[in-house]
């Protein structure tokens, strides 16, 4: 199953500071719910793990990621990654790009993501995965913004279980209204 998402958020900090944090895997990983950096292979390649919980289902992935593009002049980066479920029941691949632009008093961060998953998480369906992605992206942007603006973050937080009933309701409303939350 494959899902895509285009998102953006604003940070009250200069574009150079935002770029410096966003392009540093060791710093930005603490903003990703359930993620942990396990090895920096070189400046473009690294390894990690992530835990994703949806209601009673927990998936733990070990994987590798790399910067396919890391252009400080244009403030554009593309990151790709692949991981396997430690239980051997699935896999995930992801490509994510970021473009930073200056705003008055801050920085606009635009992102585009393509995620492909197999295994037990894929059984929840695209609408549920989109809803979970929206929740995780919201947690990431909140933590990242806090880190950029105050120097602090909720580092080390494990991914909280996602309320499957609430997200199922959201997905159902999306089917009825034609909108994805």
C-alpha atoms as a PDB file:
ATOM      1  CA  UNK A   1       0.000   0.000   0.000  1.00  0.00           C
ATOM      2  CA  UNK A   2       1.274   3.456  -0.872  1.00  0.00           C
ATOM      3  CA  UNK A   3       0.306   6.851   0.560  1.00  0.00           C
ATOM      4  CA  UNK A   4       1.530  10.330  -0.236  1.00  0.00           C
ATOM      5  CA  UNK A   5       1.362  13.550   1.722  1.00  0.00           C
ATOM      6  CA  UNK A   6       2.290  17.158   1.070  1.00  0.00           C
ATOM      7  CA  UNK A   7       2.612  19.297   4.191  1.00  0.00           C
ATOM      8  CA  UNK A   8       4.053  22.609   5.282  1.00  0.00           C
ATOM      9  CA  UNK A   9       4.726  24.430   8.522  1.00  0.00           C
ATOM     10  CA  UNK A  10       6.315  27.664   9.686  1.00  0.00           C
ATOM     11  CA  UNK A  11       9.116  28.155  12.186  1.00  0.00           C
ATOM     12  CA  UNK A  12      10.001  31.470  13.864  1.00  0.00           C
ATOM     13  CA  UNK A  13      13.708  31.227  13.109  1.00  0.00           C
ATOM     14  CA  UNK A  14      16.043  32.114  10.268  1.00  0.00           C
ATOM     15  CA  UNK A  15      16.326  29.695   7.369  1.00  0.00           C
ATOM     16  CA  UNK A  16      20.001  28.913   8.064  1.00  0.00           C
ATOM     17  CA  UNK A  17      19.242  27.724  11.606  1.00  0.00           C
ATOM     18  CA  UNK A  18      16.301  25.631  10.413  1.00  0.00           C
ATOM     19  CA  UNK A  19      18.439  24.115   7.643  1.00  0.00           C
ATOM     20  CA  UNK A  20      21.249  23.282  10.083  1.00  0.00           C
ATOM     21  CA  UNK A  21      18.912  21.300  12.337  1.00  0.00           C
ATOM     22  CA  UNK A  22      16.812  19.669   9.623  1.00  0.00           C
ATOM     23  CA  UNK A  23      19.884  18.417   7.757  1.00  0.00           C
ATOM     24  CA  UNK A  24      21.470  16.892  10.882  1.00  0.00           C
ATOM     25  CA  UNK A  25      20.047  13.380  11.454  1.00  0.00           C
ATOM     26  CA  UNK A  26      21.395  13.191  15.014  1.00  0.00           C
ATOM     27  CA  UNK A  27      19.512  16.347  15.984  1.00  0.00           C
ATOM     28  CA  UNK A  28      16.288  15.966  14.000  1.00  0.00           C
ATOM     29  CA  UNK A  29      15.668  12.294  14.892  1.00  0.00           C
ATOM     30  CA  UNK A  30      14.685  13.252  18.449  1.00  0.00           C
ATOM     31  CA  UNK A  31      11.696  15.086  16.942  1.00  0.00           C
ATOM     32  CA  UNK A  32      10.380  11.983  15.140  1.00  0.00           C
ATOM     33  CA  UNK A  33       7.989  10.049  17.409  1.00  0.00           C
ATOM     34  CA  UNK A  34       9.320   6.578  18.153  1.00  0.00           C
ATOM     35  CA  UNK A  35      12.530   7.014  16.128  1.00  0.00           C
ATOM     36  CA  UNK A  36      16.121   6.414  17.146  1.00  0.00           C
ATOM     37  CA  UNK A  37      19.362   6.939  15.247  1.00  0.00           C
ATOM     38  CA  UNK A  38      21.570   3.868  15.721  1.00  0.00           C
ATOM     39  CA  UNK A  39      24.526   4.606  13.425  1.00  0.00           C
ATOM     40  CA  UNK A  40      25.886   7.423  11.288  1.00  0.00           C
ATOM     41  CA  UNK A  41      27.606   5.642   8.398  1.00  0.00           C
ATOM     42  CA  UNK A  42      28.819   8.896   6.808  1.00  0.00           C
ATOM     43  CA  UNK A  43      27.420  12.403   6.236  1.00  0.00           C
ATOM     44  CA  UNK A  44      24.861  11.093   3.719  1.00  0.00           C
ATOM     45  CA  UNK A  45      23.944   7.629   5.119  1.00  0.00           C
ATOM     46  CA  UNK A  46      22.666   6.462   8.466  1.00  0.00           C
ATOM     47  CA  UNK A  47      20.795   3.655  10.218  1.00  0.00           C
ATOM     48  CA  UNK A  48      18.005   3.709  12.726  1.00  0.00           C
ATOM     49  CA  UNK A  49      14.876   2.171  14.096  1.00  0.00           C
ATOM     50  CA  UNK A  50      11.329   3.315  14.640  1.00  0.00           C
ATOM     51  CA  UNK A  51       8.349   2.005  16.575  1.00  0.00           C
ATOM     52  CA  UNK A  52       4.853   2.699  15.258  1.00  0.00           C
ATOM     53  CA  UNK A  53       1.775   1.863  17.322  1.00  0.00           C
ATOM     54  CA  UNK A  54      -1.763   1.848  15.993  1.00  0.00           C
ATOM     55  CA  UNK A  55      -4.156   0.788  18.719  1.00  0.00           C
ATOM     56  CA  UNK A  56      -3.114  -2.716  19.805  1.00  0.00           C
ATOM     57  CA  UNK A  57      -0.685  -3.237  16.893  1.00  0.00           C
ATOM     58  CA  UNK A  58       2.974  -2.313  17.338  1.00  0.00           C
ATOM     59  CA  UNK A  59       5.470  -2.507  14.499  1.00  0.00           C
ATOM     60  CA  UNK A  60       9.197  -2.083  15.050  1.00  0.00           C
ATOM     61  CA  UNK A  61      11.337  -1.340  12.028  1.00  0.00           C
ATOM     62  CA  UNK A  62      15.111  -1.384  11.573  1.00  0.00           C
ATOM     63  CA  UNK A  63      16.301   0.446   8.521  1.00  0.00           C
ATOM     64  CA  UNK A  64      18.695   2.586   6.582  1.00  0.00           C
ATOM     65  CA  UNK A  65      18.249   6.080   5.218  1.00  0.00           C
ATOM     66  CA  UNK A  66      20.255   8.376   3.015  1.00  0.00           C
ATOM     67  CA  UNK A  67      20.220  11.881   1.689  1.00  0.00           C
ATOM     68  CA  UNK A  68      19.689  11.626  -2.066  1.00  0.00           C
ATOM     69  CA  UNK A  69      19.923  15.407  -2.286  1.00  0.00           C
ATOM     70  CA  UNK A  70      21.307  17.836   0.265  1.00  0.00           C
ATOM     71  CA  UNK A  71      21.675  21.270  -1.337  1.00  0.00           C
ATOM     72  CA  UNK A  72      22.301  24.082   1.154  1.00  0.00           C
ATOM     73  CA  UNK A  73      22.346  26.712  -1.635  1.00  0.00           C
ATOM     74  CA  UNK A  74      18.781  25.969  -2.782  1.00  0.00           C
ATOM     75  CA  UNK A  75      17.722  24.755   0.700  1.00  0.00           C
ATOM     76  CA  UNK A  76      16.364  21.516  -0.747  1.00  0.00           C
ATOM     77  CA  UNK A  77      16.858  17.991   0.517  1.00  0.00           C
ATOM     78  CA  UNK A  78      15.547  14.574  -0.405  1.00  0.00           C
ATOM     79  CA  UNK A  79      15.775  11.654   1.964  1.00  0.00           C
ATOM     80  CA  UNK A  80      15.002   8.022   1.175  1.00  0.00           C
ATOM     81  CA  UNK A  81      14.811   5.102   3.516  1.00  0.00           C
ATOM     82  CA  UNK A  82      13.828   1.472   3.783  1.00  0.00           C
ATOM     83  CA  UNK A  83      13.210  -0.752   6.746  1.00  0.00           C
ATOM     84  CA  UNK A  84      11.970  -4.165   7.705  1.00  0.00           C
ATOM     85  CA  UNK A  85       9.656  -5.098  10.537  1.00  0.00           C
ATOM     86  CA  UNK A  86      11.741  -6.810  13.213  1.00  0.00           C
ATOM     87  CA  UNK A  87       9.020  -9.457  13.453  1.00  0.00           C
ATOM     88  CA  UNK A  88       9.544 -10.290   9.787  1.00  0.00           C
ATOM     89  CA  UNK A  89       5.966  -9.392   8.885  1.00  0.00           C
ATOM     90  CA  UNK A  90       6.385  -6.316   6.766  1.00  0.00           C
ATOM     91  CA  UNK A  91       8.505  -3.582   5.344  1.00  0.00           C
ATOM     92  CA  UNK A  92       8.378   0.097   4.572  1.00  0.00           C
ATOM     93  CA  UNK A  93      10.029   2.433   2.092  1.00  0.00           C
ATOM     94  CA  UNK A  94       9.859   6.189   2.204  1.00  0.00           C
ATOM     95  CA  UNK A  95      10.980   9.149   0.162  1.00  0.00           C
ATOM     96  CA  UNK A  96      10.667  12.586   1.702  1.00  0.00           C
ATOM     97  CA  UNK A  97      11.705  15.963   0.381  1.00  0.00           C
ATOM     98  CA  UNK A  98      11.957  19.324   2.090  1.00  0.00           C
ATOM     99  CA  UNK A  99      12.215  22.811   0.640  1.00  0.00           C
ATOM    100  CA  UNK A 100      12.896  25.768   2.940  1.00  0.00           C
ATOM    101  CA  UNK A 101      12.062  29.375   2.101  1.00  0.00           C
ATOM    102  CA  UNK A 102      12.468  32.589   3.981  1.00  0.00           C
ATOM    103  CA  UNK A 103       9.440  34.294   5.443  1.00  0.00           C
ATOM    104  CA  UNK A 104       9.260  37.580   7.249  1.00  0.00           C
ATOM    105  CA  UNK A 105      10.186  36.601  10.800  1.00  0.00           C
ATOM    106  CA  UNK A 106      10.838  32.960  10.035  1.00  0.00           C
ATOM    107  CA  UNK A 107      11.043  30.014   7.669  1.00  0.00           C
ATOM    108  CA  UNK A 108       8.470  28.081   5.652  1.00  0.00           C
ATOM    109  CA  UNK A 109       9.182  24.342   5.492  1.00  0.00           C
ATOM    110  CA  UNK A 110       7.412  22.450   2.696  1.00  0.00           C
ATOM    111  CA  UNK A 111       7.566  18.671   2.643  1.00  0.00           C
ATOM    112  CA  UNK A 112       6.419  15.946   0.326  1.00  0.00           C
ATOM    113  CA  UNK A 113       6.387  12.287   1.315  1.00  0.00           C
ATOM    114  CA  UNK A 114       5.706   8.970  -0.369  1.00  0.00           C
ATOM    115  CA  UNK A 115       5.374   5.957   1.939  1.00  0.00           C
ATOM    116  CA  UNK A 116       4.930   2.360   0.872  1.00  0.00           C
ATOM    117  CA  UNK A 117       4.212  -0.284   3.498  1.00  0.00           C
ATOM    118  CA  UNK A 118       3.534  -3.997   3.567  1.00  0.00           C
ATOM    119  CA  UNK A 119       2.577  -6.261   6.427  1.00  0.00           C
ATOM    120  CA  UNK A 120       0.285  -5.829   9.399  1.00  0.00           C
ATOM    121  CA  UNK A 121       0.207  -2.011   9.288  1.00  0.00           C
ATOM    122  CA  UNK A 122      -0.911  -2.103   5.647  1.00  0.00           C
ATOM    123  CA  UNK A 123      -4.019  -4.019   6.735  1.00  0.00           C
ATOM    124  CA  UNK A 124      -5.378  -0.843   8.317  1.00  0.00           C
ATOM    125  CA  UNK A 125      -5.851   0.701   4.875  1.00  0.00           C
ATOM    126  CA  UNK A 126      -4.768   3.941   3.253  1.00  0.00           C
ATOM    127  CA  UNK A 127      -7.175   6.242   5.104  1.00  0.00           C
ATOM    128  CA  UNK A 128      -6.020   4.993   8.497  1.00  0.00           C
ATOM    129  CA  UNK A 129      -2.353   5.245   7.494  1.00  0.00           C
ATOM    130  CA  UNK A 130      -2.925   8.812   6.262  1.00  0.00           C
ATOM    131  CA  UNK A 131      -4.598   9.674   9.577  1.00  0.00           C
ATOM    132  CA  UNK A 132      -1.684   8.159  11.537  1.00  0.00           C
ATOM    133  CA  UNK A 133       0.809   9.982   9.303  1.00  0.00           C
ATOM    134  CA  UNK A 134      -1.019  13.266   9.950  1.00  0.00           C
ATOM    135  CA  UNK A 135      -0.840  12.695  13.698  1.00  0.00           C
ATOM    136  CA  UNK A 136       2.856  11.766  13.624  1.00  0.00           C
ATOM    137  CA  UNK A 137       3.678  14.718  11.349  1.00  0.00           C
ATOM    138  CA  UNK A 138       1.873  17.033  13.765  1.00  0.00           C
ATOM    139  CA  UNK A 139       3.931  15.655  16.659  1.00  0.00           C
ATOM    140  CA  UNK A 140       7.121  16.048  14.611  1.00  0.00           C
ATOM    141  CA  UNK A 141       6.406  19.666  13.632  1.00  0.00           C
ATOM    142  CA  UNK A 142       5.535  20.597  17.207  1.00  0.00           C
ATOM    143  CA  UNK A 143       8.736  19.034  18.570  1.00  0.00           C
ATOM    144  CA  UNK A 144      10.914  20.392  15.745  1.00  0.00           C
ATOM    145  CA  UNK A 145       9.488  23.900  16.117  1.00  0.00           C
ATOM    146  CA  UNK A 146      10.103  23.752  19.871  1.00  0.00           C
ATOM    147  CA  UNK A 147      13.705  22.627  19.284  1.00  0.00           C
ATOM    148  CA  UNK A 148      14.407  25.404  16.760  1.00  0.00           C
ATOM    149  CA  UNK A 149      12.729  28.161  18.753  1.00  0.00           C
ATOM    150  CA  UNK A 150      13.778  27.213  22.302  1.00  0.00           C
ATOM    151  CA  UNK A 151      16.596  24.699  21.946  1.00  0.00           C
ATOM    152  CA  UNK A 152      14.552  22.086  23.817  1.00  0.00           C
ATOM    153  CA  UNK A 153      12.534  19.102  22.643  1.00  0.00           C
ATOM    154  CA  UNK A 154      10.671  16.089  23.977  1.00  0.00           C
ATOM    155  CA  UNK A 155      13.677  13.907  23.137  1.00  0.00           C
ATOM    156  CA  UNK A 156      13.417  10.196  23.628  1.00  0.00           C
ATOM    157  CA  UNK A 157       9.632  10.067  23.585  1.00  0.00           C
ATOM    158  CA  UNK A 158       8.328   6.728  22.423  1.00  0.00           C
ATOM    159  CA  UNK A 159       5.530   6.815  19.884  1.00  0.00           C
ATOM    160  CA  UNK A 160       2.314   6.959  21.862  1.00  0.00           C
ATOM    161  CA  UNK A 161      -0.378   4.474  20.885  1.00  0.00           C
ATOM    162  CA  UNK A 162      -2.667   5.964  18.300  1.00  0.00           C
ATOM    163  CA  UNK A 163      -6.370   5.958  19.132  1.00  0.00           C
ATOM    164  CA  UNK A 164      -7.603   3.585  16.430  1.00  0.00           C
ATOM    165  CA  UNK A 165     -11.285   4.240  17.118  1.00  0.00           C
ATOM    166  CA  UNK A 166     -10.867   8.001  16.788  1.00  0.00           C
ATOM    167  CA  UNK A 167      -8.798   7.637  13.619  1.00  0.00           C
ATOM    168  CA  UNK A 168     -11.284   5.152  12.154  1.00  0.00           C
ATOM    169  CA  UNK A 169     -14.014   7.737  12.727  1.00  0.00           C
ATOM    170  CA  UNK A 170     -11.855  10.353  11.054  1.00  0.00           C
ATOM    171  CA  UNK A 171     -11.187   8.035   8.109  1.00  0.00           C
ATOM    172  CA  UNK A 172     -14.913   7.254   7.794  1.00  0.00           C
ATOM    173  CA  UNK A 173     -15.764  10.956   7.788  1.00  0.00           C
ATOM    174  CA  UNK A 174     -13.128  11.429   5.108  1.00  0.00           C
ATOM    175  CA  UNK A 175     -14.793   8.764   2.977  1.00  0.00           C
ATOM    176  CA  UNK A 176     -18.163  10.460   3.397  1.00  0.00           C
ATOM    177  CA  UNK A 177     -16.971  14.032   2.817  1.00  0.00           C
ATOM    178  CA  UNK A 178     -14.173  13.235   0.371  1.00  0.00           C
ATOM    179  CA  UNK A 179     -11.646  15.046   2.583  1.00  0.00           C
ATOM    180  CA  UNK A 180      -8.593  13.587   4.307  1.00  0.00           C
ATOM    181  CA  UNK A 181      -7.867  14.935   7.776  1.00  0.00           C
END
